[in-house]
């Protein structure tokens, strides 16, 4: 849906953006985006320990992670 802007952040959070993602269920989640996805783009997300485990050597406070951008829906 769109980016979230913040002037302060936790230092252990790697470079990337926080995006508001609208779920198919109608809900919303804030997801960390290391890919640089744009507003209105369809994305794949993972949540929980899988999302946090993506970051090697850092304990990032991330519970939802964008892992892909959907180019085409069949």
N, C-alpha and C. Protein backbone atom coordinates (compact mmCIF):
# COMPACT_ATOMS: atom_id res chain seq x y z
N UNK A 1 0.82 -1.19 0.00
CA UNK A 1 0.00 0.00 0.00
C UNK A 1 0.86 1.25 0.00
N UNK A 2 1.91 1.26 0.81
CA UNK A 2 2.75 2.45 0.84
C UNK A 2 3.86 2.36 1.85
N UNK A 3 4.78 3.31 1.79
CA UNK A 3 5.94 3.34 2.67
C UNK A 3 5.59 4.04 3.98
N UNK A 4 6.32 3.67 5.00
CA UNK A 4 6.19 4.29 6.31
C UNK A 4 7.49 5.04 6.57
N UNK A 5 7.40 6.31 6.95
CA UNK A 5 8.59 7.12 7.18
C UNK A 5 8.79 7.32 8.66
N UNK A 6 10.03 7.26 9.09
CA UNK A 6 10.38 7.45 10.49
C UNK A 6 11.74 8.14 10.58
N UNK A 7 11.86 9.10 11.49
CA UNK A 7 13.13 9.79 11.65
C UNK A 7 14.06 9.03 12.59
N UNK A 8 13.53 8.08 13.35
CA UNK A 8 14.34 7.28 14.26
C UNK A 8 14.07 5.81 13.98
N UNK A 9 15.11 4.98 14.19
CA UNK A 9 14.94 3.55 13.97
C UNK A 9 15.93 2.79 14.84
N UNK A 10 15.65 1.53 15.05
CA UNK A 10 16.53 0.65 15.81
C UNK A 10 17.77 0.40 14.97
N UNK A 11 18.96 0.58 15.56
CA UNK A 11 20.21 0.46 14.80
C UNK A 11 20.43 -0.94 14.24
N UNK A 12 19.87 -1.98 14.86
CA UNK A 12 20.08 -3.34 14.36
C UNK A 12 19.23 -3.65 13.12
N UNK A 13 18.35 -2.74 12.74
CA UNK A 13 17.55 -2.93 11.53
C UNK A 13 18.40 -2.61 10.31
N UNK A 14 18.60 -3.59 9.41
CA UNK A 14 19.43 -3.34 8.21
C UNK A 14 18.80 -2.29 7.30
N UNK A 15 19.51 -1.92 6.25
CA UNK A 15 18.99 -0.95 5.29
C UNK A 15 17.80 -1.54 4.54
N UNK A 16 16.79 -0.75 4.37
CA UNK A 16 15.57 -1.17 3.69
C UNK A 16 14.45 -0.23 4.11
N UNK A 17 13.25 -0.55 3.68
CA UNK A 17 12.10 0.29 3.99
C UNK A 17 11.05 -0.52 4.74
N UNK A 18 10.19 0.18 5.45
CA UNK A 18 9.03 -0.45 6.05
C UNK A 18 7.83 -0.12 5.18
N UNK A 19 7.09 -1.13 4.79
CA UNK A 19 5.93 -0.94 3.93
C UNK A 19 4.67 -1.45 4.61
N UNK A 20 3.56 -0.76 4.39
CA UNK A 20 2.26 -1.26 4.80
C UNK A 20 1.78 -2.17 3.67
N UNK A 21 1.52 -3.45 4.01
CA UNK A 21 1.10 -4.43 3.01
C UNK A 21 -0.34 -4.85 3.31
N UNK A 22 -1.21 -4.74 2.32
CA UNK A 22 -2.60 -5.17 2.48
C UNK A 22 -2.67 -6.65 2.14
N UNK A 23 -3.21 -7.44 3.06
CA UNK A 23 -3.30 -8.89 2.88
C UNK A 23 -4.57 -9.26 2.13
N UNK A 24 -4.58 -10.43 1.51
CA UNK A 24 -5.77 -10.90 0.79
C UNK A 24 -6.97 -11.01 1.72
N UNK A 25 -6.73 -11.25 3.01
CA UNK A 25 -7.80 -11.37 3.99
C UNK A 25 -8.45 -10.03 4.31
N UNK A 26 -7.83 -8.94 3.84
CA UNK A 26 -8.34 -7.60 4.10
C UNK A 26 -7.57 -6.89 5.19
N UNK A 27 -6.77 -7.63 5.96
CA UNK A 27 -5.96 -7.03 7.01
C UNK A 27 -4.73 -6.34 6.44
N UNK A 28 -3.96 -5.74 7.32
CA UNK A 28 -2.72 -5.08 6.92
C UNK A 28 -1.60 -5.51 7.85
N UNK A 29 -0.38 -5.48 7.34
CA UNK A 29 0.80 -5.80 8.13
C UNK A 29 1.92 -4.85 7.71
N UNK A 30 2.78 -4.51 8.65
CA UNK A 30 3.97 -3.71 8.36
C UNK A 30 5.08 -4.71 8.06
N UNK A 31 5.68 -4.64 6.89
CA UNK A 31 6.72 -5.59 6.48
C UNK A 31 8.00 -4.84 6.12
N UNK A 32 9.12 -5.47 6.46
CA UNK A 32 10.43 -4.91 6.09
C UNK A 32 10.70 -5.27 4.63
N UNK A 33 11.15 -4.31 3.86
CA UNK A 33 11.36 -4.50 2.42
C UNK A 33 12.83 -4.25 2.04
N UNK A 34 13.63 -5.32 1.91
CA UNK A 34 15.02 -5.15 1.47
C UNK A 34 15.14 -5.07 -0.05
N UNK A 35 14.04 -5.25 -0.78
CA UNK A 35 14.07 -5.34 -2.24
C UNK A 35 13.83 -4.01 -2.95
N UNK A 36 13.23 -3.06 -2.27
CA UNK A 36 12.92 -1.77 -2.91
C UNK A 36 11.64 -1.80 -3.71
N UNK A 37 10.64 -2.52 -3.25
CA UNK A 37 9.36 -2.62 -3.96
C UNK A 37 8.63 -1.28 -3.91
N UNK A 38 7.77 -1.08 -4.88
CA UNK A 38 7.06 0.19 -4.98
C UNK A 38 5.62 0.09 -4.53
N UNK A 39 5.01 1.25 -4.31
CA UNK A 39 3.62 1.32 -3.90
C UNK A 39 2.72 0.71 -4.97
N UNK A 40 1.78 -0.13 -4.56
CA UNK A 40 0.86 -0.78 -5.48
C UNK A 40 1.37 -2.08 -6.06
N UNK A 41 2.61 -2.41 -5.79
CA UNK A 41 3.22 -3.64 -6.30
C UNK A 41 2.74 -4.84 -5.48
N UNK A 42 2.46 -5.95 -6.14
CA UNK A 42 2.08 -7.18 -5.43
C UNK A 42 3.35 -7.88 -4.97
N UNK A 43 3.36 -8.30 -3.69
CA UNK A 43 4.57 -8.88 -3.11
C UNK A 43 4.25 -10.19 -2.39
N UNK A 44 5.30 -10.96 -2.14
CA UNK A 44 5.22 -12.15 -1.31
C UNK A 44 5.87 -11.81 0.02
N UNK A 45 5.23 -12.22 1.12
CA UNK A 45 5.82 -11.97 2.43
C UNK A 45 5.94 -13.27 3.21
N UNK A 46 6.87 -13.27 4.15
CA UNK A 46 6.97 -14.34 5.12
C UNK A 46 6.94 -13.68 6.49
N UNK A 47 6.50 -14.44 7.49
CA UNK A 47 6.37 -13.86 8.82
C UNK A 47 7.01 -14.75 9.88
N UNK A 48 7.19 -14.18 11.07
CA UNK A 48 7.68 -14.92 12.21
C UNK A 48 9.17 -15.19 12.17
N UNK A 49 9.57 -16.36 12.70
CA UNK A 49 10.99 -16.68 12.82
C UNK A 49 11.68 -16.78 11.47
N UNK A 50 10.96 -17.15 10.42
CA UNK A 50 11.55 -17.22 9.08
C UNK A 50 11.96 -15.82 8.63
N UNK A 51 11.13 -14.83 8.90
CA UNK A 51 11.45 -13.45 8.53
C UNK A 51 12.66 -12.95 9.31
N UNK A 52 12.68 -13.18 10.59
CA UNK A 52 13.79 -12.72 11.43
C UNK A 52 15.08 -13.47 11.10
N UNK A 53 14.97 -14.74 10.70
CA UNK A 53 16.14 -15.56 10.39
C UNK A 53 16.84 -15.20 9.09
N UNK A 54 16.24 -14.35 8.28
CA UNK A 54 16.82 -13.93 7.01
C UNK A 54 18.13 -13.17 7.22
N UNK A 55 18.22 -12.43 8.31
CA UNK A 55 19.35 -11.55 8.56
C UNK A 55 20.46 -12.31 9.27
N UNK A 56 21.58 -12.51 8.59
CA UNK A 56 22.71 -13.24 9.16
C UNK A 56 23.57 -12.32 10.01
N UNK A 57 23.91 -12.78 11.21
CA UNK A 57 24.80 -12.02 12.08
C UNK A 57 24.17 -10.85 12.78
N UNK A 58 22.87 -10.63 12.59
CA UNK A 58 22.17 -9.50 13.20
C UNK A 58 20.84 -10.01 13.76
N UNK A 59 20.50 -9.55 14.95
CA UNK A 59 19.19 -9.87 15.51
C UNK A 59 18.25 -8.73 15.16
N UNK A 60 17.69 -8.79 13.96
CA UNK A 60 16.82 -7.72 13.48
C UNK A 60 15.41 -7.89 14.04
N UNK A 61 14.81 -6.82 14.54
CA UNK A 61 13.45 -6.89 15.08
C UNK A 61 12.41 -6.87 13.96
N UNK A 62 12.39 -7.94 13.17
CA UNK A 62 11.51 -8.02 12.01
C UNK A 62 10.59 -9.23 12.15
N UNK A 63 9.29 -9.02 11.99
CA UNK A 63 8.32 -10.11 12.07
C UNK A 63 7.65 -10.39 10.74
N UNK A 64 7.78 -9.49 9.78
CA UNK A 64 7.24 -9.69 8.43
C UNK A 64 8.26 -9.17 7.43
N UNK A 65 8.55 -9.98 6.42
CA UNK A 65 9.61 -9.67 5.46
C UNK A 65 9.10 -9.89 4.04
N UNK A 66 9.33 -8.91 3.19
CA UNK A 66 9.00 -9.06 1.76
C UNK A 66 10.11 -9.87 1.12
N UNK A 67 9.75 -11.02 0.53
CA UNK A 67 10.73 -11.92 -0.04
C UNK A 67 10.65 -12.02 -1.56
N UNK A 68 9.66 -11.36 -2.15
CA UNK A 68 9.55 -11.41 -3.60
C UNK A 68 8.55 -10.39 -4.11
N UNK A 69 8.72 -10.07 -5.37
CA UNK A 69 7.83 -9.16 -6.07
C UNK A 69 7.15 -9.96 -7.19
N UNK A 70 5.84 -9.91 -7.25
CA UNK A 70 5.10 -10.69 -8.25
C UNK A 70 5.09 -9.92 -9.57
N UNK A 71 5.72 -10.51 -10.58
CA UNK A 71 5.76 -9.87 -11.91
C UNK A 71 4.49 -10.13 -12.70
N UNK A 72 3.97 -11.34 -12.57
CA UNK A 72 2.80 -11.72 -13.35
C UNK A 72 1.97 -12.72 -12.56
N UNK A 73 0.66 -12.53 -12.55
CA UNK A 73 -0.25 -13.42 -11.84
C UNK A 73 -0.99 -14.26 -12.88
N UNK A 74 -0.89 -15.57 -12.75
CA UNK A 74 -1.55 -16.41 -13.78
C UNK A 74 -2.87 -16.96 -13.29
